[in-house]
């Protein structure tokens, strides 16, 4: 296939691009190299895949639909994997309009391009944050997810609803994958595991919000990529007009305190902790029920958080800036 992959230079997207190329697909990577974090990191992420003959890069803002459509030219795109987004719960409280533009208008832009080009298979990268704080655990896709508690979560839920509309109206086959706290090599430097490892390695205090009892379903990047690629294949094989929302998580939880302990052990330091109050927009616990992903995609997450952090630490130590 020829796959249009948005956000393809980011943490998750770069791993997806490598997997697709490795199995023989052609990939058109779309990325704006936004300055949310150092664009050079993202360029390093895809340097190897671009050196192949199976991947090309288009540098454009996904909200600029005409510019993206023109850059695609007459390329026959077979499927879309839409991972580009403005990420992060806490920053979304400070800049909500930026999140609406990229995550809602940008998703609308991609859906319109797919509709106009008659591209039926469409995978949308959503988030476990859509479940908010009122959803019982483990989180099941049958829950309403109508009470998000951050602008980021609200924009992701809006993206899902737009995808449903296009599947219904235009016969697209869509999988919205709700990702649960993804980590591993190339993780964004602002995310907890990477940030904690960097601070610990420099002998600095780590900021810990709350008492450390909050829990997350930490999911290793390889398992997430398995799920995304399987979701892509499912949309290709599905009938027109099919729409599903599917959790992709590890299906077990780890407390923040335990996470810090594991990272400290792998980095070889005793963590110094600076305690801070709980943050608005944060949920207390995330926990994925992945029954649906197993049934539809054959999804089978296999990496424990202990093994995943070990692999992350190996990568981290090899980085020149660590």
Protein backbone atom coordinates (compact mmCIF):
# COMPACT_ATOMS: atom_id res chain seq x y z
CA UNK A 1 0.00 0.00 0.00
CA UNK A 2 0.85 3.66 -0.15
CA UNK A 3 0.01 5.11 3.26
CA UNK A 4 -0.36 8.79 4.14
CA UNK A 5 1.00 9.08 7.68
CA UNK A 6 0.52 12.39 9.49
CA UNK A 7 2.73 13.21 12.45
CA UNK A 8 5.14 10.70 10.97
CA UNK A 9 8.26 12.32 12.40
CA UNK A 10 7.03 12.24 15.99
CA UNK A 11 7.60 9.65 18.68
CA UNK A 12 4.85 7.22 17.71
CA UNK A 13 4.67 8.17 14.04
CA UNK A 14 8.35 7.54 13.35
CA UNK A 15 8.06 4.01 14.75
CA UNK A 16 4.94 3.39 12.66
CA UNK A 17 6.70 4.63 9.52
CA UNK A 18 9.58 2.22 10.11
CA UNK A 19 7.22 -0.71 10.62
CA UNK A 20 5.28 0.06 7.44
CA UNK A 21 8.44 0.45 5.37
CA UNK A 22 9.91 -2.74 6.82
CA UNK A 23 6.93 -4.75 5.65
CA UNK A 24 7.03 -3.24 2.14
CA UNK A 25 4.55 -0.37 2.20
CA UNK A 26 5.29 3.04 0.73
CA UNK A 27 4.84 5.87 3.23
CA UNK A 28 4.17 9.56 2.65
CA UNK A 29 5.16 11.23 5.92
CA UNK A 30 3.45 14.53 6.69
CA UNK A 31 4.86 16.65 9.51
CA UNK A 32 5.03 20.38 10.23
CA UNK A 33 8.01 20.05 12.63
CA UNK A 34 6.15 22.17 15.15
CA UNK A 35 8.34 23.79 17.81
CA UNK A 36 6.44 22.23 20.74
CA UNK A 37 9.77 20.46 21.18
CA UNK A 38 13.04 20.60 19.23
CA UNK A 39 12.29 19.89 15.54
CA UNK A 40 15.78 18.44 15.13
CA UNK A 41 14.79 15.55 17.37
CA UNK A 42 11.98 14.71 14.96
CA UNK A 43 14.29 15.00 11.97
CA UNK A 44 16.63 12.48 13.60
CA UNK A 45 13.66 10.21 14.24
CA UNK A 46 13.03 9.72 10.52
CA UNK A 47 16.50 10.13 9.04
CA UNK A 48 16.92 6.39 8.61
CA UNK A 49 13.51 5.70 7.13
CA UNK A 50 13.90 8.59 4.66
CA UNK A 51 17.19 7.09 3.51
CA UNK A 52 15.18 4.18 2.14
CA UNK A 53 13.38 4.37 -1.18
CA UNK A 54 10.05 3.64 0.49
CA UNK A 55 9.36 6.89 2.36
CA UNK A 56 8.96 10.52 1.35
CA UNK A 57 8.44 13.63 3.46
CA UNK A 58 6.02 16.53 3.04
CA UNK A 59 6.59 19.44 5.41
CA UNK A 60 3.23 21.13 5.83
CA UNK A 61 0.68 22.07 8.48
CA UNK A 62 -2.24 19.63 8.26
CA UNK A 63 -4.65 22.54 8.75
CA UNK A 64 -3.50 23.96 5.42
CA UNK A 65 -5.64 21.56 3.42
CA UNK A 66 -5.06 23.12 -0.01
CA UNK A 67 -1.29 23.16 0.51
CA UNK A 68 -1.27 19.51 1.62
CA UNK A 69 -3.50 18.44 -1.24
CA UNK A 70 -1.26 20.23 -3.75
CA UNK A 71 1.87 18.67 -2.23
CA UNK A 72 0.35 15.21 -2.62
CA UNK A 73 -0.11 15.85 -6.32
CA UNK A 74 -1.49 12.87 -8.16
CA UNK A 75 -0.15 10.33 -5.69
CA UNK A 76 -2.49 7.38 -5.41
CA UNK A 77 -2.90 7.11 -1.63
CA UNK A 78 -4.47 3.86 -0.44
CA UNK A 79 -4.96 4.63 3.26
CA UNK A 80 -4.52 7.32 5.91
CA UNK A 81 -3.03 6.95 9.39
CA UNK A 82 -3.66 10.27 11.13
CA UNK A 83 -1.42 10.70 14.19
CA UNK A 84 -0.56 14.41 13.90
CA UNK A 85 -1.83 16.35 16.90
CA UNK A 86 -0.99 18.97 19.43
CA UNK A 87 -0.35 16.76 22.46
CA UNK A 88 -0.39 17.13 26.22
CA UNK A 89 -3.11 17.71 28.80
CA UNK A 90 -1.48 20.47 30.83
CA UNK A 91 -0.38 22.68 27.91
CA UNK A 92 -3.90 22.46 26.50
CA UNK A 93 -5.19 24.37 29.53
CA UNK A 94 -2.91 27.27 28.59
CA UNK A 95 -3.42 27.27 24.81
CA UNK A 96 -6.81 25.71 24.08
CA UNK A 97 -7.30 27.48 20.75
CA UNK A 98 -4.10 25.94 19.38
CA UNK A 99 -5.44 22.50 20.33
CA UNK A 100 -8.77 23.14 18.65
CA UNK A 101 -7.04 24.27 15.48
CA UNK A 102 -4.66 21.33 15.13
CA UNK A 103 -6.69 18.51 16.63
CA UNK A 104 -10.14 19.42 15.35
CA UNK A 105 -9.59 21.52 12.23
CA UNK A 106 -6.57 19.42 11.25
CA UNK A 107 -8.57 16.20 11.55
CA UNK A 108 -11.36 17.75 9.48
CA UNK A 109 -8.77 18.68 6.86
CA UNK A 110 -7.48 15.09 6.61
CA UNK A 111 -10.98 13.65 6.42
CA UNK A 112 -11.84 16.05 3.60
CA UNK A 113 -8.72 15.07 1.67
CA UNK A 114 -9.59 11.39 2.14
CA UNK A 115 -13.18 11.99 1.02
CA UNK A 116 -12.18 13.96 -2.07
CA UNK A 117 -9.58 11.39 -3.08
CA UNK A 118 -11.91 8.48 -2.29
CA UNK A 119 -9.52 7.00 0.25
CA UNK A 120 -11.63 4.65 2.34
CA UNK A 121 -9.32 3.21 5.09
CA UNK A 122 -8.65 5.77 7.84
CA UNK A 123 -6.98 5.29 11.25
CA UNK A 124 -7.28 8.11 13.78
CA UNK A 125 -4.96 8.36 16.77
CA UNK A 126 -7.15 9.22 19.75
CA UNK A 127 -6.38 9.15 23.47
CA UNK A 128 -7.41 7.45 26.70
CA UNK A 129 -7.91 10.96 28.12
CA UNK A 130 -11.36 11.08 26.48
CA UNK A 131 -12.69 8.86 29.29
CA UNK A 132 -12.34 11.64 31.89
CA UNK A 133 -12.81 10.90 35.58
CA UNK A 134 -16.33 9.48 35.66
CA UNK A 135 -15.67 6.29 33.69
CA UNK A 136 -15.41 3.06 35.73
CA UNK A 137 -12.25 1.00 35.31
CA UNK A 138 -11.18 -0.83 33.30
CA UNK A 139 -12.13 1.63 30.54
CA UNK A 140 -14.38 0.03 27.93
CA UNK A 141 -15.24 1.53 24.57
CA UNK A 142 -18.94 1.11 25.33
CA UNK A 143 -18.70 3.90 27.94
CA UNK A 144 -19.99 7.27 26.71
CA UNK A 145 -16.72 9.24 27.06
CA UNK A 146 -18.76 12.43 27.06
CA UNK A 147 -17.12 14.08 30.07
CA UNK A 148 -13.52 15.00 29.12
CA UNK A 149 -11.78 17.23 31.67
CA UNK A 150 -9.16 19.00 29.53
CA UNK A 151 -9.21 20.82 26.18
CA UNK A 152 -6.84 18.16 24.82
CA UNK A 153 -9.26 15.36 25.74
CA UNK A 154 -12.20 17.32 24.33
CA UNK A 155 -10.47 17.85 20.99
CA UNK A 156 -9.64 14.16 20.72
CA UNK A 157 -13.25 13.24 21.38
CA UNK A 158 -14.31 15.79 18.76
CA UNK A 159 -11.97 14.12 16.28
CA UNK A 160 -13.61 10.76 16.93
CA UNK A 161 -17.05 12.25 16.28
CA UNK A 162 -15.90 13.79 13.01
CA UNK A 163 -14.52 10.40 11.96
CA UNK A 164 -17.86 8.77 12.75
CA UNK A 165 -19.65 11.35 10.61
CA UNK A 166 -17.41 10.70 7.62
CA UNK A 167 -17.74 6.94 7.94
CA UNK A 168 -21.53 7.33 8.01
CA UNK A 169 -21.85 9.87 5.21
CA UNK A 170 -19.10 8.86 2.81
CA UNK A 171 -18.53 5.15 3.35
CA UNK A 172 -15.08 5.44 4.86
CA UNK A 173 -13.89 2.56 7.08
CA UNK A 174 -12.49 4.11 10.23
CA UNK A 175 -10.70 2.87 13.33
CA UNK A 176 -10.23 5.38 16.15
CA UNK A 177 -7.51 3.95 18.40
CA UNK A 178 -7.46 5.28 21.95
CA UNK A 179 -3.83 5.18 23.04
CA UNK A 180 -2.89 4.68 26.68
CA UNK A 181 0.29 6.47 27.93
CA UNK A 182 2.79 5.37 25.30
CA UNK A 183 6.50 5.24 26.20
CA UNK A 184 9.76 3.88 24.84
CA UNK A 185 12.72 5.00 22.72
CA UNK A 186 12.19 8.47 21.15
CA UNK A 187 9.53 9.42 23.68
CA UNK A 188 8.98 13.18 23.71
CA UNK A 189 11.33 14.93 26.16
CA UNK A 190 8.43 16.59 28.01
CA UNK A 191 6.74 13.31 28.93
CA UNK A 192 7.17 11.89 32.43
CA UNK A 193 9.40 8.88 31.84
CA UNK A 194 11.86 10.77 29.63
CA UNK A 195 11.76 13.88 31.82
CA UNK A 196 12.30 11.88 35.02
CA UNK A 197 15.19 9.93 33.52
CA UNK A 198 16.88 13.12 32.34
CA UNK A 199 16.54 14.86 35.70
CA UNK A 200 17.61 11.79 37.67
CA UNK A 201 20.70 11.30 35.52
CA UNK A 202 21.71 14.90 36.30
CA UNK A 203 21.16 14.51 40.03
CA UNK A 204 18.20 16.90 40.04
CA UNK A 205 14.84 16.71 41.77
CA UNK A 206 11.90 15.36 39.83
CA UNK A 207 8.50 17.11 40.09
CA UNK A 208 5.91 14.67 41.43
CA UNK A 209 2.29 15.81 41.25
CA UNK A 210 0.19 14.47 44.10
CA UNK A 211 1.16 11.71 46.50
CA UNK A 212 2.36 9.26 43.84
CA UNK A 213 -0.74 7.07 44.01
CA UNK A 214 -2.12 8.05 40.60
CA UNK A 215 -1.99 5.14 38.15
CA UNK A 216 -1.49 4.87 34.42
CA UNK A 217 -1.73 2.06 31.89
CA UNK A 218 1.81 2.51 30.51
CA UNK A 219 2.06 0.92 27.06
CA UNK A 220 5.33 0.17 25.31
CA UNK A 221 5.81 1.60 21.83
CA UNK A 222 6.24 -1.76 20.07
CA UNK A 223 2.86 -2.93 21.36
CA UNK A 224 1.22 0.32 20.27
CA UNK A 225 2.73 0.05 16.79
CA UNK A 226 1.42 -3.53 16.54
CA UNK A 227 -2.04 -2.19 17.33
CA UNK A 228 -1.93 0.75 14.92
CA UNK A 229 -0.69 -1.33 11.99
CA UNK A 230 -3.25 -4.04 12.73
CA UNK A 231 -5.95 -1.34 12.87
CA UNK A 232 -4.79 -0.13 9.46
CA UNK A 233 -5.05 -3.62 7.99
CA UNK A 234 -8.48 -4.03 9.57
CA UNK A 235 -9.77 -0.83 7.92
CA UNK A 236 -8.42 -1.99 4.56
CA UNK A 237 -10.20 -5.35 4.86
CA UNK A 238 -13.45 -3.90 6.26
CA UNK A 239 -16.61 -2.97 4.44
CA UNK A 240 -17.40 0.63 3.57
CA UNK A 241 -19.03 2.66 6.31
CA UNK A 242 -17.55 0.69 9.20
CA UNK A 243 -16.57 2.69 12.29
CA UNK A 244 -14.99 1.42 15.51
CA UNK A 245 -13.38 2.95 18.58
CA UNK A 246 -10.75 0.64 20.06
CA UNK A 247 -8.51 0.84 23.13
CA UNK A 248 -4.79 0.17 22.71
CA UNK A 249 -3.18 -0.24 26.13
CA UNK A 250 -1.14 -2.69 28.16
CA UNK A 251 -4.19 -3.56 30.28
CA UNK A 252 -2.47 -3.21 33.64
CA UNK A 253 -1.71 -0.19 35.81
CA UNK A 254 1.40 1.18 37.50
CA UNK A 255 1.41 3.87 40.17
CA UNK A 256 3.47 7.00 39.72
CA UNK A 257 5.51 6.11 42.81
CA UNK A 258 6.31 2.66 41.40
CA UNK A 259 7.21 4.17 38.02
CA UNK A 260 9.73 6.50 39.67
CA UNK A 261 11.18 3.54 41.54
CA UNK A 262 11.65 1.52 38.34
CA UNK A 263 13.26 4.41 36.46
CA UNK A 264 15.61 5.14 39.35
CA UNK A 265 16.67 1.50 39.47
CA UNK A 266 17.40 1.41 35.72
CA UNK A 267 19.22 4.74 35.73
CA UNK A 268 21.14 3.68 38.84
CA UNK A 269 20.19 6.57 41.14
CA UNK A 270 18.06 7.21 44.21
CA UNK A 271 15.40 9.71 43.03
CA UNK A 272 15.13 13.11 44.66
CA UNK A 273 11.49 14.12 44.72
CA UNK A 274 9.86 17.56 44.76
CA UNK A 275 6.19 17.11 45.63
CA UNK A 276 3.59 19.33 43.98
CA UNK A 277 -0.21 19.53 44.19
CA UNK A 278 -2.42 17.57 41.81
CA UNK A 279 -2.86 19.28 38.47
CA UNK A 280 -6.16 20.33 36.86
CA UNK A 281 -7.06 18.12 33.91
CA UNK A 282 -5.22 15.05 35.20
CA UNK A 283 -7.21 11.86 35.78
CA UNK A 284 -6.49 9.63 38.76
CA UNK A 285 -6.29 6.34 36.91
CA UNK A 286 -6.28 4.96 33.39
CA UNK A 287 -6.78 1.27 32.68
CA UNK A 288 -7.59 -0.21 29.28
CA UNK A 289 -9.90 -3.10 28.60
CA UNK A 290 -8.36 -4.44 25.37
CA UNK A 291 -10.88 -7.22 24.72
CA UNK A 292 -12.18 -5.46 21.62
CA UNK A 293 -8.66 -4.91 20.22
CA UNK A 294 -7.89 -8.59 20.71
CA UNK A 295 -11.07 -9.60 18.90
CA UNK A 296 -10.83 -7.16 15.98
CA UNK A 297 -7.08 -6.79 15.48
CA UNK A 298 -5.51 -9.80 17.19
CA UNK A 299 -3.84 -7.27 19.51
CA UNK A 300 -1.66 -8.88 22.17
CA UNK A 301 0.45 -6.46 24.25
CA UNK A 302 3.40 -8.33 25.70
CA UNK A 303 5.86 -5.83 27.21
CA UNK A 304 5.75 -5.34 30.97
CA UNK A 305 6.52 -1.89 32.32
CA UNK A 306 9.69 -3.25 33.94
CA UNK A 307 10.99 -4.60 30.63
CA UNK A 308 9.84 -1.52 28.73
CA UNK A 309 11.62 0.88 31.08
CA UNK A 310 14.73 -1.26 30.78
CA UNK A 311 14.66 -0.87 27.00
CA UNK A 312 13.96 2.85 27.29
CA UNK A 313 16.91 3.27 29.70
CA UNK A 314 19.23 1.49 27.25
CA UNK A 315 18.15 3.90 24.52
CA UNK A 316 18.36 6.92 26.85
CA UNK A 317 21.95 6.17 27.87
CA UNK A 318 22.96 6.03 24.21
CA UNK A 319 21.65 9.55 23.48
CA UNK A 320 24.27 12.32 23.21
CA UNK A 321 22.10 14.78 25.16
CA UNK A 322 21.17 12.45 28.02
